[in-house]
Amino acid sequence: MAVRRRTEGPSKVTRHRPSTTPEGRESELIALAIDAAEKRIRDGSASAQEIVHYLKLGSSRERLEQERLAHENQLLQVKREAIESQKRVEELYTEALDAMRIYSSGSLTDPGDEFDG
């Protein structure tokens, strides 16, 4: 997000070099849009839609919704980690079974140890 410095009045703004990544550029544009909406709200020219949007963002329902989404993300992360762990456990079981098969078939014995009949 671009850092802006205000000097002697609202119209003088210095800008830094624009972001080189799409995500950074998107963040800059979002910040500019929010700044423009704030300016319209402050000077009284904001549309009802803009005002309602920011009213909803400040509501307790929105805070609860954001909290719910954060918990859902945490739950999905835990589920993903559990799946990865389960895959690793299955790999370990497979390796252990393969080792037991090799051991029980006698493949690990030295060929010189076998009896000639």
C-alpha atoms as a PDB file:
ATOM      1  CA  MET A   1       0.000   0.000   0.000  1.00  0.00           C
ATOM      2  CA  ALA A   2       1.385   3.386  -0.936  1.00  0.00           C
ATOM      3  CA  VAL A   3       2.427   5.679   1.874  1.00  0.00           C
ATOM      4  CA  ARG A   4       1.201   9.207   1.483  1.00  0.00           C
ATOM      5  CA  ARG A   5       2.360  12.244   3.370  1.00  0.00           C
ATOM      6  CA  ARG A   6       0.246  15.329   3.718  1.00  0.00           C
ATOM      7  CA  THR A   7       1.930  18.711   3.742  1.00  0.00           C
ATOM      8  CA  GLU A   8       0.246  22.062   4.217  1.00  0.00           C
ATOM      9  CA  GLY A   9      -3.250  21.338   3.057  1.00  0.00           C
ATOM     10  CA  PRO A  10      -5.176  18.366   1.750  1.00  0.00           C
ATOM     11  CA  SER A  11      -4.228  18.767  -1.921  1.00  0.00           C
ATOM     12  CA  LYS A  12      -0.457  18.244  -1.601  1.00  0.00           C
ATOM     13  CA  VAL A  13       0.283  14.529  -1.504  1.00  0.00           C
ATOM     14  CA  THR A  14       3.599  12.839  -2.243  1.00  0.00           C
ATOM     15  CA  ARG A  15       3.560   9.321  -3.604  1.00  0.00           C
ATOM     16  CA  HIS A  16       6.027   6.510  -3.693  1.00  0.00           C
ATOM     17  CA  ARG A  17       6.713   4.208  -6.599  1.00  0.00           C
ATOM     18  CA  PRO A  18       3.684   2.028  -7.486  1.00  0.00           C
ATOM     19  CA  SER A  19       3.741  -1.626  -6.473  1.00  0.00           C
ATOM     20  CA  THR A  20       5.121  -4.125  -8.919  1.00  0.00           C
ATOM     21  CA  THR A  21       2.880  -7.003  -7.864  1.00  0.00           C
ATOM     22  CA  PRO A  22      -0.807  -7.323  -8.754  1.00  0.00           C
ATOM     23  CA  GLU A  23      -1.677  -7.826  -5.077  1.00  0.00           C
ATOM     24  CA  GLY A  24       0.191  -4.683  -4.062  1.00  0.00           C
ATOM     25  CA  ARG A  25      -1.426  -2.673  -6.827  1.00  0.00           C
ATOM     26  CA  GLU A  26      -4.841  -3.961  -5.807  1.00  0.00           C
ATOM     27  CA  SER A  27      -4.176  -2.879  -2.222  1.00  0.00           C
ATOM     28  CA  GLU A  28      -3.180   0.590  -3.414  1.00  0.00           C
ATOM     29  CA  LEU A  29      -6.352   0.951  -5.471  1.00  0.00           C
ATOM     30  CA  ILE A  30      -8.507  -0.249  -2.588  1.00  0.00           C
ATOM     31  CA  ALA A  31      -6.868   2.305  -0.300  1.00  0.00           C
ATOM     32  CA  LEU A  32      -7.510   5.058  -2.840  1.00  0.00           C
ATOM     33  CA  ALA A  33     -11.152   4.023  -3.175  1.00  0.00           C
ATOM     34  CA  ILE A  34     -11.583   4.048   0.593  1.00  0.00           C
ATOM     35  CA  ASP A  35      -9.932   7.472   0.788  1.00  0.00           C
ATOM     36  CA  ALA A  36     -12.295   8.793  -1.889  1.00  0.00           C
ATOM     37  CA  ALA A  37     -15.328   7.366  -0.080  1.00  0.00           C
ATOM     38  CA  GLU A  38     -14.138   8.895   3.180  1.00  0.00           C
ATOM     39  CA  LYS A  39     -13.741  12.284   1.522  1.00  0.00           C
ATOM     40  CA  ARG A  40     -17.294  12.089   0.106  1.00  0.00           C
ATOM     41  CA  ILE A  41     -18.702  11.063   3.490  1.00  0.00           C
ATOM     42  CA  ARG A  42     -16.907  13.948   5.223  1.00  0.00           C
ATOM     43  CA  ASP A  43     -18.055  16.578   2.728  1.00  0.00           C
ATOM     44  CA  GLY A  44     -21.616  15.223   2.620  1.00  0.00           C
ATOM     45  CA  SER A  45     -21.660  14.125  -1.007  1.00  0.00           C
ATOM     46  CA  ALA A  46     -21.584  10.374  -0.352  1.00  0.00           C
ATOM     47  CA  SER A  47     -24.374   8.244  -1.774  1.00  0.00           C
ATOM     48  CA  ALA A  48     -26.715   6.377   0.518  1.00  0.00           C
ATOM     49  CA  GLN A  49     -25.145   3.143  -0.715  1.00  0.00           C
ATOM     50  CA  GLU A  50     -21.681   4.237   0.430  1.00  0.00           C
ATOM     51  CA  ILE A  51     -22.962   5.288   3.841  1.00  0.00           C
ATOM     52  CA  VAL A  52     -24.882   2.034   4.329  1.00  0.00           C
ATOM     53  CA  HIS A  53     -21.806   0.048   3.306  1.00  0.00           C
ATOM     54  CA  TYR A  54     -19.693   1.622   6.046  1.00  0.00           C
ATOM     55  CA  LEU A  55     -22.528   1.395   8.576  1.00  0.00           C
ATOM     56  CA  LYS A  56     -22.723  -2.343   7.932  1.00  0.00           C
ATOM     57  CA  LEU A  57     -18.960  -2.696   8.361  1.00  0.00           C
ATOM     58  CA  GLY A  58     -19.265  -1.194  11.832  1.00  0.00           C
ATOM     59  CA  SER A  59     -22.165  -3.364  12.961  1.00  0.00           C
ATOM     60  CA  SER A  60     -21.882  -6.096  15.578  1.00  0.00           C
ATOM     61  CA  ARG A  61     -23.270  -8.543  13.032  1.00  0.00           C
ATOM     62  CA  GLU A  62     -20.376  -7.817  10.673  1.00  0.00           C
ATOM     63  CA  ARG A  63     -17.868  -8.293  13.491  1.00  0.00           C
ATOM     64  CA  LEU A  64     -19.451 -11.645  14.335  1.00  0.00           C
ATOM     65  CA  GLU A  65     -19.411 -12.643  10.671  1.00  0.00           C
ATOM     66  CA  GLN A  66     -15.708 -11.769  10.402  1.00  0.00           C
ATOM     67  CA  GLU A  67     -15.016 -13.766  13.567  1.00  0.00           C
ATOM     68  CA  ARG A  68     -16.964 -16.724  12.159  1.00  0.00           C
ATOM     69  CA  LEU A  69     -14.971 -16.586   8.923  1.00  0.00           C
ATOM     70  CA  ALA A  70     -11.702 -16.467  10.869  1.00  0.00           C
ATOM     71  CA  HIS A  71     -12.741 -19.548  12.857  1.00  0.00           C
ATOM     72  CA  GLU A  72     -13.779 -21.358   9.679  1.00  0.00           C
ATOM     73  CA  ASN A  73     -10.350 -20.629   8.206  1.00  0.00           C
ATOM     74  CA  GLN A  74      -8.682 -22.002  11.328  1.00  0.00           C
ATOM     75  CA  LEU A  75     -10.878 -25.115  11.165  1.00  0.00           C
ATOM     76  CA  LEU A  76      -9.994 -25.675   7.510  1.00  0.00           C
ATOM     77  CA  GLN A  77      -6.308 -25.306   8.358  1.00  0.00           C
ATOM     78  CA  VAL A  78      -6.608 -27.889  11.154  1.00  0.00           C
ATOM     79  CA  LYS A  79      -8.495 -30.275   8.843  1.00  0.00           C
ATOM     80  CA  ARG A  80      -5.812 -29.893   6.173  1.00  0.00           C
ATOM     81  CA  GLU A  81      -3.088 -30.621   8.717  1.00  0.00           C
ATOM     82  CA  ALA A  82      -5.022 -33.673   9.968  1.00  0.00           C
ATOM     83  CA  ILE A  83      -5.340 -35.021   6.418  1.00  0.00           C
ATOM     84  CA  GLU A  84      -1.617 -34.524   5.826  1.00  0.00           C
ATOM     85  CA  SER A  85      -0.850 -36.240   9.126  1.00  0.00           C
ATOM     86  CA  GLN A  86      -3.140 -39.144   8.252  1.00  0.00           C
ATOM     87  CA  LYS A  87      -1.364 -39.547   4.909  1.00  0.00           C
ATOM     88  CA  ARG A  88       1.968 -39.666   6.706  1.00  0.00           C
ATOM     89  CA  VAL A  89       0.651 -42.277   9.165  1.00  0.00           C
ATOM     90  CA  GLU A  90      -0.575 -44.385   6.233  1.00  0.00           C
ATOM     91  CA  GLU A  91       2.865 -44.124   4.616  1.00  0.00           C
ATOM     92  CA  LEU A  92       4.504 -45.242   7.860  1.00  0.00           C
ATOM     93  CA  TYR A  93       2.117 -48.221   8.154  1.00  0.00           C
ATOM     94  CA  THR A  94       2.873 -49.199   4.560  1.00  0.00           C
ATOM     95  CA  GLU A  95       6.613 -48.978   5.191  1.00  0.00           C
ATOM     96  CA  ALA A  96       6.247 -51.025   8.388  1.00  0.00           C
ATOM     97  CA  LEU A  97       4.183 -53.721   6.627  1.00  0.00           C
ATOM     98  CA  ASP A  98       6.693 -53.884   3.782  1.00  0.00           C
ATOM     99  CA  ALA A  99       9.525 -54.264   6.310  1.00  0.00           C
ATOM    100  CA  MET A 100       7.667 -57.058   8.112  1.00  0.00           C
ATOM    101  CA  ARG A 101       7.012 -58.868   4.813  1.00  0.00           C
ATOM    102  CA  ILE A 102      10.682 -58.668   3.904  1.00  0.00           C
ATOM    103  CA  TYR A 103      11.677 -59.870   7.358  1.00  0.00           C
ATOM    104  CA  SER A 104       9.204 -62.763   7.419  1.00  0.00           C
ATOM    105  CA  SER A 105      10.181 -63.973   3.952  1.00  0.00           C
ATOM    106  CA  GLY A 106      13.804 -64.227   5.018  1.00  0.00           C
ATOM    107  CA  SER A 107      15.082 -61.852   2.380  1.00  0.00           C
ATOM    108  CA  LEU A 108      17.251 -60.113   4.927  1.00  0.00           C
ATOM    109  CA  THR A 109      19.334 -63.199   5.738  1.00  0.00           C
ATOM    110  CA  ASP A 110      22.831 -63.471   4.370  1.00  0.00           C
ATOM    111  CA  PRO A 111      23.026 -65.922   1.410  1.00  0.00           C
ATOM    112  CA  GLY A 112      25.990 -67.647   3.071  1.00  0.00           C
ATOM    113  CA  ASP A 113      23.867 -68.556   6.081  1.00  0.00           C
ATOM    114  CA  GLU A 114      21.560 -70.836   4.129  1.00  0.00           C
ATOM    115  CA  PHE A 115      21.937 -74.604   4.561  1.00  0.00           C
ATOM    116  CA  ASP A 116      22.716 -76.724   1.544  1.00  0.00           C
ATOM    117  CA  GLY A 117      20.658 -79.867   1.669  1.00  0.00           C
END
